Amino acid sequence: MRDRNWSAGAYLAEFRSADELTRAAHVFSDHGYTRIETYSPVPVEVGIRRPHSALPVAVFLAGVVGGAASYAIQWYANAYAYALDIGGRPPHAIPAFIIPTFEGTVLCAALAAFIGFFVVTRLPQPWHPVFEIDGFERATVDRYWLAVDASDRRGSPDLTMRELRMLSPLRIVRLEAEP
């Protein structure tokens, strides 16, 4: 759920099927609306263009930083701070540093992915304004909802409501702005 906080309010329309929701999302997207969100009980590919997530880049960068940090720690400990000549081996033995460096890389990347997932999806989210709409809980069972942010630059209250009515939804709900 990549929804917004609806600080300016929103217009929500309830639909009976995934096909109706997909058609409505295409209509609003074609009309130039950019701040729309869908809620459905099953994954529905509605074709809304969404910005790409920054999570893969963050995971990659965390892995690089983790690898560099783990290598630097080993180098500092073995080659600089406690350089011991044991059996004629060099203190900066690169092959000995490979496996711990790999482990540090994977650890940091996995932690970034785990924490980043919760940040990107804004979970846990025990309450959201749409949860206050009567009957919205059916979005997890058999209803499909389209939400249009009231602050969308394309729409206005009258225009957005008129365009939603033209789609013949089961009902339209106006979600008031958050205080």
N, C-alpha and C. Protein backbone atom coordinates (compact mmCIF):
# COMPACT_ATOMS: atom_id res chain seq x y z
N MET A 1 0.85 -1.16 0.00
CA MET A 1 0.00 0.00 0.00
C MET A 1 0.90 1.23 0.00
N ARG A 2 0.97 1.91 -1.09
CA ARG A 2 1.82 3.09 -1.20
C ARG A 2 0.98 4.35 -1.07
N ASP A 3 0.04 4.32 -0.21
CA ASP A 3 -0.87 5.45 -0.11
C ASP A 3 -0.23 6.65 0.56
N ARG A 4 -0.92 7.72 0.45
CA ARG A 4 -0.46 8.97 1.04
C ARG A 4 -1.19 9.20 2.36
N ASN A 5 -0.83 10.27 3.02
CA ASN A 5 -1.48 10.53 4.30
C ASN A 5 -2.77 11.32 4.13
N TRP A 6 -3.11 11.70 2.92
CA TRP A 6 -4.36 12.41 2.61
C TRP A 6 -4.52 13.65 3.48
N SER A 7 -3.46 14.43 3.63
CA SER A 7 -3.51 15.62 4.48
C SER A 7 -4.50 16.65 3.95
N ALA A 8 -4.80 16.63 2.66
CA ALA A 8 -5.77 17.57 2.10
C ALA A 8 -7.14 16.92 1.92
N GLY A 9 -7.26 15.66 2.29
CA GLY A 9 -8.51 14.94 2.07
C GLY A 9 -8.41 14.10 0.82
N ALA A 10 -9.46 13.33 0.55
CA ALA A 10 -9.47 12.47 -0.62
C ALA A 10 -10.90 12.13 -1.00
N TYR A 11 -11.04 11.65 -2.22
CA TYR A 11 -12.31 11.15 -2.72
C TYR A 11 -12.12 9.67 -2.99
N LEU A 12 -13.00 8.85 -2.42
CA LEU A 12 -12.89 7.41 -2.59
C LEU A 12 -14.14 6.88 -3.27
N ALA A 13 -13.95 5.98 -4.21
CA ALA A 13 -15.06 5.34 -4.91
C ALA A 13 -14.94 3.84 -4.73
N GLU A 14 -16.06 3.22 -4.41
CA GLU A 14 -16.10 1.77 -4.18
C GLU A 14 -16.63 1.08 -5.43
N PHE A 15 -15.92 0.02 -5.85
CA PHE A 15 -16.33 -0.73 -7.04
C PHE A 15 -16.56 -2.19 -6.69
N ARG A 16 -17.35 -2.84 -7.54
CA ARG A 16 -17.73 -4.22 -7.29
C ARG A 16 -16.69 -5.23 -7.77
N SER A 17 -15.92 -4.89 -8.82
CA SER A 17 -14.99 -5.87 -9.39
C SER A 17 -13.64 -5.23 -9.71
N ALA A 18 -12.67 -6.10 -9.93
CA ALA A 18 -11.33 -5.64 -10.28
C ALA A 18 -11.31 -4.99 -11.66
N ASP A 19 -12.15 -5.47 -12.57
CA ASP A 19 -12.21 -4.87 -13.90
C ASP A 19 -12.70 -3.43 -13.83
N GLU A 20 -13.71 -3.18 -13.00
CA GLU A 20 -14.21 -1.80 -12.84
C GLU A 20 -13.13 -0.92 -12.24
N LEU A 21 -12.40 -1.43 -11.26
CA LEU A 21 -11.32 -0.66 -10.65
C LEU A 21 -10.22 -0.36 -11.66
N THR A 22 -9.86 -1.35 -12.46
CA THR A 22 -8.82 -1.15 -13.46
C THR A 22 -9.25 -0.10 -14.48
N ARG A 23 -10.50 -0.19 -14.93
CA ARG A 23 -11.02 0.80 -15.89
C ARG A 23 -11.01 2.19 -15.27
N ALA A 24 -11.44 2.31 -14.01
CA ALA A 24 -11.46 3.61 -13.34
C ALA A 24 -10.06 4.18 -13.18
N ALA A 25 -9.11 3.33 -12.82
CA ALA A 25 -7.74 3.81 -12.65
C ALA A 25 -7.17 4.28 -13.98
N HIS A 26 -7.48 3.57 -15.07
CA HIS A 26 -7.01 3.99 -16.39
C HIS A 26 -7.64 5.32 -16.80
N VAL A 27 -8.92 5.48 -16.52
CA VAL A 27 -9.60 6.73 -16.88
C VAL A 27 -8.97 7.89 -16.14
N PHE A 28 -8.76 7.75 -14.85
CA PHE A 28 -8.19 8.85 -14.07
C PHE A 28 -6.74 9.10 -14.45
N SER A 29 -6.01 8.06 -14.74
CA SER A 29 -4.62 8.24 -15.17
C SER A 29 -4.58 8.94 -16.52
N ASP A 30 -5.47 8.57 -17.43
CA ASP A 30 -5.53 9.21 -18.74
C ASP A 30 -5.97 10.67 -18.65
N HIS A 31 -6.78 10.99 -17.66
CA HIS A 31 -7.21 12.38 -17.47
C HIS A 31 -6.14 13.25 -16.83
N GLY A 32 -5.02 12.64 -16.43
CA GLY A 32 -3.91 13.43 -15.90
C GLY A 32 -3.77 13.43 -14.39
N TYR A 33 -4.57 12.63 -13.70
CA TYR A 33 -4.44 12.55 -12.24
C TYR A 33 -3.17 11.77 -11.91
N THR A 34 -2.42 12.27 -10.96
CA THR A 34 -1.18 11.59 -10.58
C THR A 34 -1.23 11.07 -9.15
N ARG A 35 -2.13 11.58 -8.35
CA ARG A 35 -2.19 11.16 -6.95
C ARG A 35 -3.41 10.27 -6.72
N ILE A 36 -3.34 9.08 -7.28
CA ILE A 36 -4.42 8.11 -7.09
C ILE A 36 -3.87 6.86 -6.43
N GLU A 37 -4.73 6.18 -5.72
CA GLU A 37 -4.34 4.98 -4.99
C GLU A 37 -5.47 3.97 -5.11
N THR A 38 -5.11 2.69 -5.14
CA THR A 38 -6.11 1.63 -5.22
C THR A 38 -6.00 0.73 -3.99
N TYR A 39 -7.12 0.21 -3.59
CA TYR A 39 -7.20 -0.74 -2.48
C TYR A 39 -8.02 -1.93 -2.97
N SER A 40 -7.48 -3.13 -2.81
CA SER A 40 -8.19 -4.31 -3.30
C SER A 40 -7.83 -5.52 -2.45
N PRO A 41 -8.70 -6.53 -2.45
CA PRO A 41 -8.41 -7.74 -1.67
C PRO A 41 -7.36 -8.63 -2.29
N VAL A 42 -7.12 -8.48 -3.57
CA VAL A 42 -6.11 -9.27 -4.29
C VAL A 42 -5.24 -8.31 -5.09
N PRO A 43 -4.02 -8.71 -5.43
CA PRO A 43 -3.19 -7.84 -6.26
C PRO A 43 -3.84 -7.60 -7.62
N VAL A 44 -3.98 -6.33 -7.97
CA VAL A 44 -4.58 -5.95 -9.24
C VAL A 44 -3.59 -5.06 -9.97
N GLU A 45 -3.24 -5.43 -11.19
CA GLU A 45 -2.34 -4.60 -12.00
C GLU A 45 -3.19 -3.57 -12.71
N VAL A 46 -3.18 -2.34 -12.18
CA VAL A 46 -4.03 -1.30 -12.75
C VAL A 46 -3.28 -0.42 -13.73
N GLY A 47 -1.98 -0.56 -13.85
CA GLY A 47 -1.24 0.20 -14.82
C GLY A 47 -0.95 1.63 -14.43
N ILE A 48 -1.04 1.94 -13.16
CA ILE A 48 -0.71 3.29 -12.71
C ILE A 48 0.80 3.41 -12.66
N ARG A 49 1.32 4.46 -13.26
CA ARG A 49 2.77 4.67 -13.22
C ARG A 49 3.16 5.15 -11.82
N ARG A 50 4.07 4.45 -11.23
CA ARG A 50 4.55 4.82 -9.90
C ARG A 50 6.04 5.08 -9.98
N PRO A 51 6.52 5.97 -9.11
CA PRO A 51 7.97 6.19 -9.09
C PRO A 51 8.68 4.94 -8.60
N HIS A 52 9.86 4.72 -9.13
CA HIS A 52 10.64 3.57 -8.71
C HIS A 52 11.11 3.76 -7.28
N SER A 53 11.19 2.67 -6.56
CA SER A 53 11.63 2.70 -5.18
C SER A 53 13.13 2.95 -5.08
N ALA A 54 13.52 3.65 -4.05
CA ALA A 54 14.93 3.89 -3.80
C ALA A 54 15.54 2.76 -2.97
N LEU A 55 14.73 1.78 -2.61
CA LEU A 55 15.20 0.70 -1.75
C LEU A 55 16.35 -0.11 -2.37
N PRO A 56 16.31 -0.51 -3.64
CA PRO A 56 17.45 -1.26 -4.18
C PRO A 56 18.76 -0.48 -4.13
N VAL A 57 18.69 0.81 -4.36
CA VAL A 57 19.91 1.63 -4.30
C VAL A 57 20.41 1.69 -2.87
N ALA A 58 19.49 1.84 -1.91
CA ALA A 58 19.89 1.90 -0.50
C ALA A 58 20.51 0.58 -0.05
N VAL A 59 19.94 -0.53 -0.50
CA VAL A 59 20.48 -1.85 -0.13
C VAL A 59 21.87 -2.03 -0.73
N PHE A 60 22.05 -1.63 -1.98
CA PHE A 60 23.37 -1.74 -2.61
C PHE A 60 24.39 -0.88 -1.87
N LEU A 61 24.03 0.36 -1.58
CA LEU A 61 24.97 1.24 -0.89
C LEU A 61 25.30 0.73 0.52
N ALA A 62 24.30 0.19 1.21
CA ALA A 62 24.56 -0.38 2.53
C ALA A 62 25.50 -1.57 2.43
N GLY A 63 25.34 -2.39 1.39
CA GLY A 63 26.25 -3.51 1.18
C GLY A 63 27.67 -3.05 0.90
N VAL A 64 27.82 -2.02 0.08
CA VAL A 64 29.15 -1.50 -0.22
C VAL A 64 29.81 -0.94 1.03
N VAL A 65 29.03 -0.17 1.80
CA VAL A 65 29.56 0.41 3.04
C VAL A 65 29.91 -0.70 4.03
N GLY A 66 29.03 -1.71 4.14
CA GLY A 66 29.31 -2.83 5.04
C GLY A 66 30.56 -3.60 4.65
N GLY A 67 30.73 -3.83 3.35
CA GLY A 67 31.93 -4.52 2.88
C GLY A 67 33.19 -3.71 3.13
N ALA A 68 33.12 -2.43 2.84
CA ALA A 68 34.29 -1.56 3.06
C ALA A 68 34.62 -1.46 4.55
N ALA A 69 33.60 -1.35 5.37
CA ALA A 69 33.83 -1.24 6.82
C ALA A 69 34.43 -2.53 7.38
N SER A 70 33.90 -3.68 6.96
CA SER A 70 34.43 -4.93 7.49
C SER A 70 35.87 -5.16 7.01
N TYR A 71 36.17 -4.78 5.78
CA TYR A 71 37.55 -4.90 5.30
C TYR A 71 38.47 -3.94 6.07
N ALA A 72 38.00 -2.71 6.30
CA ALA A 72 38.81 -1.73 7.02
C ALA A 72 39.08 -2.17 8.46
N ILE A 73 38.10 -2.77 9.10
CA ILE A 73 38.29 -3.26 10.47
C ILE A 73 39.36 -4.34 10.50
N GLN A 74 39.29 -5.26 9.55
CA GLN A 74 40.29 -6.33 9.51
C GLN A 74 41.68 -5.77 9.21
N TRP A 75 41.76 -4.86 8.27
CA TRP A 75 43.04 -4.26 7.94
C TRP A 75 43.62 -3.54 9.15
N TYR A 76 42.78 -2.75 9.83
CA TYR A 76 43.26 -2.01 11.00
C TYR A 76 43.77 -2.97 12.07
N ALA A 77 42.98 -4.00 12.36
CA ALA A 77 43.35 -4.93 13.43
C ALA A 77 44.58 -5.76 13.08
N ASN A 78 44.68 -6.25 11.86
CA ASN A 78 45.75 -7.18 11.50
C ASN A 78 47.00 -6.53 10.92
N ALA A 79 46.84 -5.44 10.17
CA ALA A 79 47.99 -4.88 9.47
C ALA A 79 48.52 -3.61 10.13
N TYR A 80 47.72 -2.95 10.92
CA TYR A 80 48.16 -1.67 11.46
C TYR A 80 48.34 -1.72 12.99
N ALA A 81 47.28 -2.01 13.70
CA ALA A 81 47.32 -1.91 15.16
C ALA A 81 48.07 -3.09 15.80
N TYR A 82 47.86 -4.30 15.31
CA TYR A 82 48.47 -5.48 15.92
C TYR A 82 49.20 -6.31 14.87
N ALA A 83 50.07 -5.71 14.15
CA ALA A 83 50.80 -6.41 13.09
C ALA A 83 51.78 -7.39 13.71
N LEU A 84 51.48 -8.66 13.58
CA LEU A 84 52.34 -9.72 14.12
C LEU A 84 52.91 -10.55 12.98
N ASP A 85 54.17 -10.89 13.09
CA ASP A 85 54.80 -11.73 12.08
C ASP A 85 54.67 -13.17 12.55
N ILE A 86 53.70 -13.87 12.02
CA ILE A 86 53.45 -15.25 12.41
C ILE A 86 53.73 -16.14 11.20
N GLY A 87 54.74 -16.95 11.28
CA GLY A 87 55.06 -17.89 10.22
C GLY A 87 55.45 -17.22 8.92
N GLY A 88 55.88 -16.00 8.96
CA GLY A 88 56.31 -15.31 7.76
C GLY A 88 55.18 -14.83 6.87
N ARG A 89 53.95 -14.86 7.38
CA ARG A 89 52.81 -14.40 6.58
C ARG A 89 52.73 -12.88 6.63
N PRO A 90 52.27 -12.27 5.55
CA PRO A 90 52.16 -10.81 5.57
C PRO A 90 50.99 -10.38 6.46
N PRO A 91 51.10 -9.22 7.12
CA PRO A 91 49.99 -8.78 7.97
C PRO A 91 48.75 -8.39 7.16
N HIS A 92 48.95 -7.94 5.95
CA HIS A 92 47.82 -7.56 5.10
C HIS A 92 47.59 -8.69 4.09
N ALA A 93 46.96 -9.76 4.57
CA ALA A 93 46.72 -10.94 3.74
C ALA A 93 45.31 -10.86 3.15
N ILE A 94 45.22 -10.40 1.94
CA ILE A 94 43.93 -10.17 1.28
C ILE A 94 43.07 -11.44 1.21
N PRO A 95 43.61 -12.60 0.85
CA PRO A 95 42.75 -13.79 0.78
C PRO A 95 42.08 -14.12 2.12
N ALA A 96 42.74 -13.82 3.23
CA ALA A 96 42.13 -14.11 4.53
C ALA A 96 40.99 -13.15 4.85
N PHE A 97 40.95 -12.01 4.18
CA PHE A 97 39.92 -11.00 4.46
C PHE A 97 38.67 -11.18 3.61
N ILE A 98 38.69 -12.05 2.62
CA ILE A 98 37.59 -12.15 1.66
C ILE A 98 36.29 -12.62 2.31
N ILE A 99 36.32 -13.71 3.03
CA ILE A 99 35.08 -14.26 3.59
C ILE A 99 34.46 -13.34 4.64
N PRO A 100 35.22 -12.82 5.61
CA PRO A 100 34.59 -11.88 6.55
C PRO A 100 34.07 -10.61 5.86
N THR A 101 34.74 -10.16 4.81
CA THR A 101 34.27 -8.99 4.07
C THR A 101 32.93 -9.30 3.39
N PHE A 102 32.84 -10.48 2.79
CA PHE A 102 31.58 -10.90 2.17
C PHE A 102 30.47 -10.96 3.21
N GLU A 103 30.76 -11.51 4.37
CA GLU A 103 29.74 -11.61 5.43
C GLU A 103 29.28 -10.23 5.89
N GLY A 104 30.22 -9.30 6.02
CA GLY A 104 29.84 -7.93 6.40
C GLY A 104 28.98 -7.26 5.35
N THR A 105 29.30 -7.53 4.08
CA THR A 105 28.51 -6.98 2.98
C THR A 105 27.08 -7.50 3.01
N VAL A 106 26.94 -8.80 3.15
CA VAL A 106 25.61 -9.41 3.15
C VAL A 106 24.82 -8.98 4.39
N LEU A 107 25.47 -8.91 5.53
CA LEU A 107 24.79 -8.50 6.76
C LEU A 107 24.23 -7.09 6.63
N CYS A 108 25.05 -6.15 6.19
CA CYS A 108 24.59 -4.76 6.08
C CYS A 108 23.51 -4.61 5.01
N ALA A 109 23.66 -5.30 3.89
CA ALA A 109 22.63 -5.22 2.84
C ALA A 109 21.32 -5.82 3.32
N ALA A 110 21.37 -6.94 4.03
CA ALA A 110 20.15 -7.57 4.53
C ALA A 110 19.47 -6.70 5.57
N LEU A 111 20.23 -6.09 6.45
CA LEU A 111 19.63 -5.19 7.44
C LEU A 111 19.00 -3.98 6.76
N ALA A 112 19.66 -3.43 5.75
CA ALA A 112 19.09 -2.30 5.03
C ALA A 112 17.80 -2.70 4.32
N ALA A 113 17.76 -3.89 3.73
CA ALA A 113 16.55 -4.35 3.06
C ALA A 113 15.42 -4.57 4.06
N PHE A 114 15.72 -5.17 5.19
CA PHE A 114 14.71 -5.44 6.20
C PHE A 114 14.14 -4.16 6.77
N ILE A 115 14.99 -3.26 7.19
CA ILE A 115 14.53 -2.00 7.78
C ILE A 115 13.92 -1.10 6.70
N GLY A 116 14.54 -1.08 5.52
CA GLY A 116 14.03 -0.25 4.43
C GLY A 116 12.64 -0.66 3.98
N PHE A 117 12.33 -1.95 4.00
CA PHE A 117 11.00 -2.41 3.64
C PHE A 117 9.95 -1.77 4.55
N PHE A 118 10.20 -1.76 5.83
CA PHE A 118 9.23 -1.18 6.76
C PHE A 118 9.14 0.33 6.61
N VAL A 119 10.24 0.97 6.26
CA VAL A 119 10.21 2.42 6.05
C VAL A 119 9.44 2.75 4.78
N VAL A 120 9.71 2.04 3.70
CA VAL A 120 9.04 2.32 2.42
C VAL A 120 7.54 2.04 2.50
N THR A 121 7.16 0.96 3.14
CA THR A 121 5.73 0.62 3.24
C THR A 121 5.04 1.27 4.43
N ARG A 122 5.77 2.01 5.21
CA ARG A 122 5.25 2.70 6.40
C ARG A 122 4.51 1.73 7.32
N LEU A 123 5.13 0.60 7.56
CA LEU A 123 4.56 -0.38 8.47
C LEU A 123 5.31 -0.35 9.79
N PRO A 124 4.75 -0.71 10.88
CA PRO A 124 3.34 -1.05 11.06
C PRO A 124 2.48 0.20 11.05
N GLN A 125 1.28 0.07 10.56
CA GLN A 125 0.36 1.19 10.47
C GLN A 125 -0.97 0.75 11.09
N PRO A 126 -1.09 0.91 12.41
CA PRO A 126 -2.29 0.43 13.08
C PRO A 126 -3.54 1.25 12.77
N TRP A 127 -3.36 2.49 12.27
CA TRP A 127 -4.52 3.31 11.95
C TRP A 127 -4.23 4.15 10.72
N HIS A 128 -5.23 4.33 9.89
CA HIS A 128 -5.14 5.19 8.71
C HIS A 128 -6.52 5.85 8.56
N PRO A 129 -6.59 7.05 8.03
CA PRO A 129 -7.90 7.72 7.92
C PRO A 129 -8.94 6.93 7.13
N VAL A 130 -8.53 6.16 6.13
CA VAL A 130 -9.53 5.41 5.36
C VAL A 130 -10.18 4.30 6.19
N PHE A 131 -9.55 3.91 7.28
CA PHE A 131 -10.14 2.87 8.12
C PHE A 131 -11.42 3.35 8.80
N GLU A 132 -11.65 4.64 8.84
CA GLU A 132 -12.84 5.20 9.47
C GLU A 132 -14.07 5.15 8.56
N ILE A 133 -13.89 4.84 7.29
CA ILE A 133 -15.02 4.79 6.36
C ILE A 133 -15.81 3.52 6.60
N ASP A 134 -17.12 3.66 6.78
CA ASP A 134 -17.97 2.49 6.99
C ASP A 134 -17.91 1.59 5.77
N GLY A 135 -17.65 0.33 5.99
CA GLY A 135 -17.59 -0.64 4.92
C GLY A 135 -16.25 -0.76 4.23
N PHE A 136 -15.28 0.05 4.63
CA PHE A 136 -13.98 -0.03 3.97
C PHE A 136 -13.28 -1.35 4.27
N GLU A 137 -13.61 -1.99 5.38
CA GLU A 137 -12.97 -3.26 5.71
C GLU A 137 -13.25 -4.33 4.65
N ARG A 138 -14.27 -4.12 3.82
CA ARG A 138 -14.56 -5.07 2.75
C ARG A 138 -13.51 -5.01 1.65
N ALA A 139 -12.60 -4.03 1.71
CA ALA A 139 -11.50 -3.98 0.75
C ALA A 139 -10.57 -5.17 0.93
N THR A 140 -10.66 -5.84 2.05
CA THR A 140 -9.86 -7.05 2.27
C THR A 140 -10.64 -8.31 1.93
N VAL A 141 -11.91 -8.16 1.52
CA VAL A 141 -12.74 -9.33 1.24
C VAL A 141 -13.21 -9.36 -0.21
N ASP A 142 -14.03 -8.36 -0.59
CA ASP A 142 -14.64 -8.44 -1.92
C ASP A 142 -14.93 -7.09 -2.58
N ARG A 143 -14.39 -6.01 -2.08
CA ARG A 143 -14.62 -4.69 -2.67
C ARG A 143 -13.31 -4.07 -3.13
N TYR A 144 -13.43 -3.18 -4.10
CA TYR A 144 -12.28 -2.52 -4.70
C TYR A 144 -12.49 -1.01 -4.60
N TRP A 145 -11.47 -0.31 -4.15
CA TRP A 145 -11.59 1.12 -3.92
C TRP A 145 -10.55 1.89 -4.73
N LEU A 146 -10.96 3.04 -5.23
CA LEU A 146 -10.07 3.98 -5.89
C LEU A 146 -10.10 5.26 -5.08
N ALA A 147 -8.94 5.76 -4.71
CA ALA A 147 -8.84 7.00 -3.94
C ALA A 147 -8.09 8.03 -4.77
N VAL A 148 -8.61 9.25 -4.76
CA VAL A 148 -7.99 10.37 -5.47
C VAL A 148 -7.69 11.44 -4.44
N ASP A 149 -6.44 11.82 -4.34
CA ASP A 149 -6.03 12.85 -3.39
C ASP A 149 -6.68 14.18 -3.78
N ALA A 150 -7.25 14.87 -2.79
CA ALA A 150 -7.91 16.14 -3.05
C ALA A 150 -6.92 17.22 -3.46
N SER A 151 -5.64 17.03 -3.17
CA SER A 151 -4.64 18.03 -3.54
C SER A 151 -4.03 17.77 -4.92
N ASP A 152 -4.57 16.82 -5.66
CA ASP A 152 -4.05 16.55 -7.00
C ASP A 152 -4.22 17.80 -7.86
N ARG A 153 -3.17 18.16 -8.56
CA ARG A 153 -3.19 19.41 -9.34
C ARG A 153 -4.20 19.37 -10.48
N ARG A 154 -4.57 18.21 -10.94
CA ARG A 154 -5.51 18.07 -12.06
C ARG A 154 -6.95 18.33 -11.64
N GLY A 155 -7.29 17.93 -10.43
CA GLY A 155 -8.70 17.94 -10.04
C GLY A 155 -9.12 19.14 -9.23
N SER A 156 -10.40 19.23 -9.06
CA SER A 156 -11.04 20.18 -8.16
C SER A 156 -12.20 19.41 -7.55
N PRO A 157 -12.78 19.89 -6.46
CA PRO A 157 -13.87 19.11 -5.83
C PRO A 157 -15.00 18.76 -6.79
N ASP A 158 -15.46 19.72 -7.56
CA ASP A 158 -16.58 19.44 -8.47
C ASP A 158 -16.17 18.52 -9.62
N LEU A 159 -15.01 18.79 -10.22
CA LEU A 159 -14.55 18.00 -11.35
C LEU A 159 -14.27 16.55 -10.95
N THR A 160 -13.59 16.37 -9.83
CA THR A 160 -13.25 15.01 -9.39
C THR A 160 -14.51 14.22 -9.06
N MET A 161 -15.45 14.83 -8.38
CA MET A 161 -16.70 14.13 -8.04
C MET A 161 -17.48 13.78 -9.31
N ARG A 162 -17.53 14.68 -10.28
CA ARG A 162 -18.25 14.44 -11.54
C ARG A 162 -17.59 13.27 -12.29
N GLU A 163 -16.26 13.27 -12.36
CA GLU A 163 -15.58 12.20 -13.07
C GLU A 163 -15.73 10.86 -12.35
N LEU A 164 -15.79 10.87 -11.03
CA LEU A 164 -16.04 9.62 -10.30
C LEU A 164 -17.46 9.12 -10.55
N ARG A 165 -18.43 10.02 -10.56
CA ARG A 165 -19.82 9.60 -10.80
C ARG A 165 -19.98 8.98 -12.19
N MET A 166 -19.23 9.48 -13.17
CA MET A 166 -19.34 8.96 -14.53
C MET A 166 -18.89 7.49 -14.61
N LEU A 167 -18.12 7.01 -13.64
CA LEU A 167 -17.64 5.63 -13.63
C LEU A 167 -18.64 4.67 -13.00
N SER A 168 -19.75 5.18 -12.48
CA SER A 168 -20.82 4.39 -11.86
C SER A 168 -20.32 3.49 -10.73
N PRO A 169 -19.68 4.06 -9.72
CA PRO A 169 -19.26 3.23 -8.58
C PRO A 169 -20.45 2.90 -7.69
N LEU A 170 -20.24 1.98 -6.77
CA LEU A 170 -21.30 1.66 -5.81
C LEU A 170 -21.59 2.86 -4.92
N ARG A 171 -20.54 3.56 -4.52
CA ARG A 171 -20.70 4.79 -3.74
C ARG A 171 -19.42 5.59 -3.80
N ILE A 172 -19.56 6.86 -3.48
CA ILE A 172 -18.43 7.78 -3.42
C ILE A 172 -18.40 8.38 -2.03
N VAL A 173 -17.20 8.41 -1.44
CA VAL A 173 -17.04 8.92 -0.09
C VAL A 173 -16.00 10.03 -0.12
N ARG A 174 -16.33 11.12 0.56
CA ARG A 174 -15.37 12.24 0.69
C ARG A 174 -14.68 12.09 2.03
N LEU A 175 -13.37 11.94 2.00
CA LEU A 175 -12.57 11.85 3.22
C LEU A 175 -12.07 13.26 3.54
N GLU A 176 -12.44 13.75 4.69
CA GLU A 176 -12.07 15.11 5.08
C GLU A 176 -10.58 15.23 5.34
N ALA A 177 -10.09 16.46 5.24
CA ALA A 177 -8.68 16.73 5.48
C ALA A 177 -8.32 16.42 6.93
N GLU A 178 -7.09 15.95 7.10
CA GLU A 178 -6.62 15.67 8.46
C GLU A 178 -6.28 16.99 9.15
N PRO A 179 -6.56 17.09 10.45
CA PRO A 179 -6.27 18.33 11.16
C PRO A 179 -4.77 18.55 11.34
